[in-house]
Amino acid sequence: MKLPAAARAIAVPATDAVEAARARDAAAFGTAVEALAAQDQERTGRVLGAVVRLLVEESHPDGVDSDDVRAVLAGCVRDAMTWQDDVDPQVVLVLLAGALGVYDPEGDDAPPKALTQARHGALLIASLLTTRPFGDCLTTAFDEIARAEHHDG
């Protein structure tokens, strides 16, 4: 996949973080998450959120309800806690709800810091990936974002 530099700056560390999470490689995960968190937080969040939404919608083709959200959240946290004992279910919920467009940050404290978002976002995506390669998900997410920006512009 040929990406512009700004997209590559997100895609490379995101791929590294998700693959390290899938392999449960704590050292590689920490390095990749730091690199991911160093990118523009708004853009990174938009890309990772698009991937999460895509994966959740694909795994629930008849629609997503509150039980589905609870199951995704529980599955991610349960899986992550086997090797990342300080995973925060509240952060995972905020990221999941944000990706699905049902999170309103008004009234909340400050959003999670970039490192926390990157870490939990990669853990969430790793738990959602079953058969589809992450690279395909990224391509779809970048395409969706580009289409949305084109229509908004």
Protein backbone atom coordinates (compact mmCIF):
# COMPACT_ATOMS: atom_id res chain seq x y z
CA MET A 1 0.00 0.00 0.00
CA LYS A 2 1.49 3.34 -1.10
CA LEU A 3 0.59 6.02 1.42
CA PRO A 4 1.46 9.69 1.71
CA ALA A 5 4.06 10.52 4.38
CA ALA A 6 1.47 11.72 6.93
CA ALA A 7 -0.51 8.50 6.61
CA ARG A 8 2.65 6.35 6.71
CA ALA A 9 3.67 8.12 9.93
CA ILE A 10 0.53 6.66 11.53
CA ALA A 11 0.33 3.36 9.64
CA VAL A 12 3.81 2.10 10.47
CA PRO A 13 3.71 2.48 14.27
CA ALA A 14 0.04 1.45 14.36
CA THR A 15 0.88 -1.75 12.52
CA ASP A 16 3.85 -2.36 14.77
CA ALA A 17 1.73 -1.80 17.90
CA VAL A 18 -1.14 -4.02 16.78
CA GLU A 19 1.19 -6.80 15.65
CA ALA A 20 3.14 -6.62 18.92
CA ALA A 21 -0.14 -6.76 20.85
CA ARG A 22 -1.27 -9.78 18.88
CA ALA A 23 2.09 -11.45 19.63
CA ARG A 24 1.98 -10.29 23.26
CA ASP A 25 5.48 -8.88 22.85
CA ALA A 26 5.61 -6.32 25.67
CA ALA A 27 8.93 -4.76 24.66
CA ALA A 28 8.00 -4.29 21.00
CA PHE A 29 4.54 -3.12 22.05
CA GLY A 30 5.94 -0.43 24.34
CA THR A 31 8.27 0.88 21.64
CA ALA A 32 5.56 0.90 18.98
CA VAL A 33 3.01 2.57 21.25
CA GLU A 34 5.48 5.35 22.05
CA ALA A 35 6.07 5.91 18.33
CA LEU A 36 2.33 5.91 17.68
CA ALA A 37 1.64 8.32 20.55
CA ALA A 38 4.22 10.74 19.09
CA GLN A 39 2.00 11.26 16.02
CA ASP A 40 -0.78 13.84 15.71
CA GLN A 41 -3.31 12.63 18.27
CA GLU A 42 -6.38 13.81 16.37
CA ARG A 43 -5.36 12.10 13.12
CA THR A 44 -4.21 8.95 14.89
CA GLY A 45 -7.48 8.78 16.81
CA ARG A 46 -9.49 9.24 13.63
CA VAL A 47 -7.60 6.41 11.87
CA LEU A 48 -7.67 3.96 14.79
CA GLY A 49 -11.32 4.83 15.44
CA ALA A 50 -12.20 4.11 11.82
CA VAL A 51 -10.47 0.72 12.07
CA VAL A 52 -12.31 -0.12 15.32
CA ARG A 53 -15.67 0.90 13.81
CA LEU A 54 -14.97 -1.18 10.68
CA LEU A 55 -14.05 -4.28 12.69
CA VAL A 56 -17.01 -3.96 15.07
CA GLU A 57 -19.46 -3.42 12.22
CA GLU A 58 -18.02 -6.36 10.24
CA SER A 59 -18.35 -8.66 13.23
CA HIS A 60 -21.93 -7.49 13.86
CA PRO A 61 -23.51 -7.19 10.39
CA ASP A 62 -27.03 -6.95 11.83
CA GLY A 63 -26.13 -3.89 13.89
CA VAL A 64 -24.41 -3.18 17.18
CA ASP A 65 -26.37 -2.99 20.42
CA SER A 66 -25.33 -2.39 24.01
CA ASP A 67 -24.80 -6.11 24.64
CA ASP A 68 -22.41 -6.22 21.68
CA VAL A 69 -20.48 -3.22 22.99
CA ARG A 70 -20.28 -4.86 26.43
CA ALA A 71 -19.02 -8.09 24.87
CA VAL A 72 -16.36 -6.30 22.80
CA LEU A 73 -15.24 -4.34 25.85
CA ALA A 74 -15.11 -7.41 28.10
CA GLY A 75 -13.30 -9.47 25.48
CA CYS A 76 -10.66 -6.80 24.92
CA VAL A 77 -10.04 -6.19 28.61
CA ARG A 78 -9.98 -9.90 29.46
CA ASP A 79 -7.55 -10.61 26.61
CA ALA A 80 -5.30 -7.63 27.35
CA MET A 81 -5.13 -8.30 31.08
CA THR A 82 -3.40 -11.62 30.43
CA TRP A 83 -0.26 -9.66 29.55
CA GLN A 84 -1.00 -5.97 30.25
CA ASP A 85 -2.22 -5.91 33.84
CA ASP A 86 -2.81 -2.15 33.95
CA VAL A 87 -5.31 -1.99 31.08
CA ASP A 88 -8.07 0.49 31.93
CA PRO A 89 -11.59 -0.66 30.96
CA GLN A 90 -12.85 2.94 31.09
CA VAL A 91 -10.31 4.01 28.45
CA VAL A 92 -11.25 1.06 26.24
CA LEU A 93 -14.92 2.01 26.61
CA VAL A 94 -14.22 5.66 25.70
CA LEU A 95 -12.29 4.59 22.60
CA LEU A 96 -14.92 2.04 21.57
CA ALA A 97 -17.82 4.45 22.11
CA GLY A 98 -15.93 7.20 20.28
CA ALA A 99 -15.27 4.92 17.31
CA LEU A 100 -18.97 4.06 17.15
CA GLY A 101 -19.97 7.72 17.36
CA VAL A 102 -21.82 7.38 20.66
CA TYR A 103 -19.33 9.07 22.97
CA ASP A 104 -19.84 12.68 23.99
CA PRO A 105 -16.70 14.07 25.62
CA GLU A 106 -18.58 17.06 27.05
CA GLY A 107 -18.58 16.99 30.81
CA ASP A 108 -15.76 14.48 31.02
CA ASP A 109 -12.39 15.22 32.41
CA ALA A 110 -9.56 15.63 29.96
CA PRO A 111 -9.43 12.91 27.33
CA PRO A 112 -6.88 10.15 27.86
CA LYS A 113 -3.32 11.16 27.10
CA ALA A 114 -1.81 10.23 23.73
CA LEU A 115 0.21 7.32 25.12
CA THR A 116 -2.85 5.90 26.89
CA GLN A 117 -5.00 6.27 23.78
CA ALA A 118 -2.38 4.67 21.53
CA ARG A 119 -1.84 1.77 23.92
CA HIS A 120 -5.49 0.99 24.51
CA GLY A 121 -6.42 1.59 20.86
CA ALA A 122 -3.85 -0.98 19.72
CA LEU A 123 -5.07 -3.45 22.35
CA LEU A 124 -8.69 -2.94 21.24
CA ILE A 125 -7.85 -3.44 17.57
CA ALA A 126 -5.73 -6.51 18.31
CA SER A 127 -8.65 -8.06 20.19
CA LEU A 128 -11.03 -7.36 17.30
CA LEU A 129 -8.84 -8.70 14.51
CA THR A 130 -9.78 -12.23 13.66
CA THR A 131 -9.25 -13.02 10.00
CA ARG A 132 -8.84 -9.71 8.18
CA PRO A 133 -5.26 -8.40 7.92
CA PHE A 134 -4.64 -5.13 9.76
CA GLY A 135 -3.14 -3.59 6.61
CA ASP A 136 -6.45 -4.08 4.78
CA CYS A 137 -8.27 -2.40 7.66
CA LEU A 138 -5.89 0.55 7.55
CA THR A 139 -6.35 0.93 3.80
CA THR A 140 -10.13 0.95 4.21
CA ALA A 141 -9.89 3.45 7.08
CA PHE A 142 -7.64 5.82 5.13
CA ASP A 143 -9.97 5.57 2.11
CA GLU A 144 -13.04 6.34 4.25
CA ILE A 145 -11.32 9.32 5.87
CA ALA A 146 -10.18 10.66 2.48
CA ARG A 147 -13.72 10.34 1.08
CA ALA A 148 -15.19 12.10 4.10
CA GLU A 149 -12.63 14.92 3.88
CA HIS A 150 -13.30 15.28 0.16
CA HIS A 151 -17.06 15.55 0.72
CA ASP A 152 -16.63 17.96 3.64
CA GLY A 153 -14.14 20.12 1.73
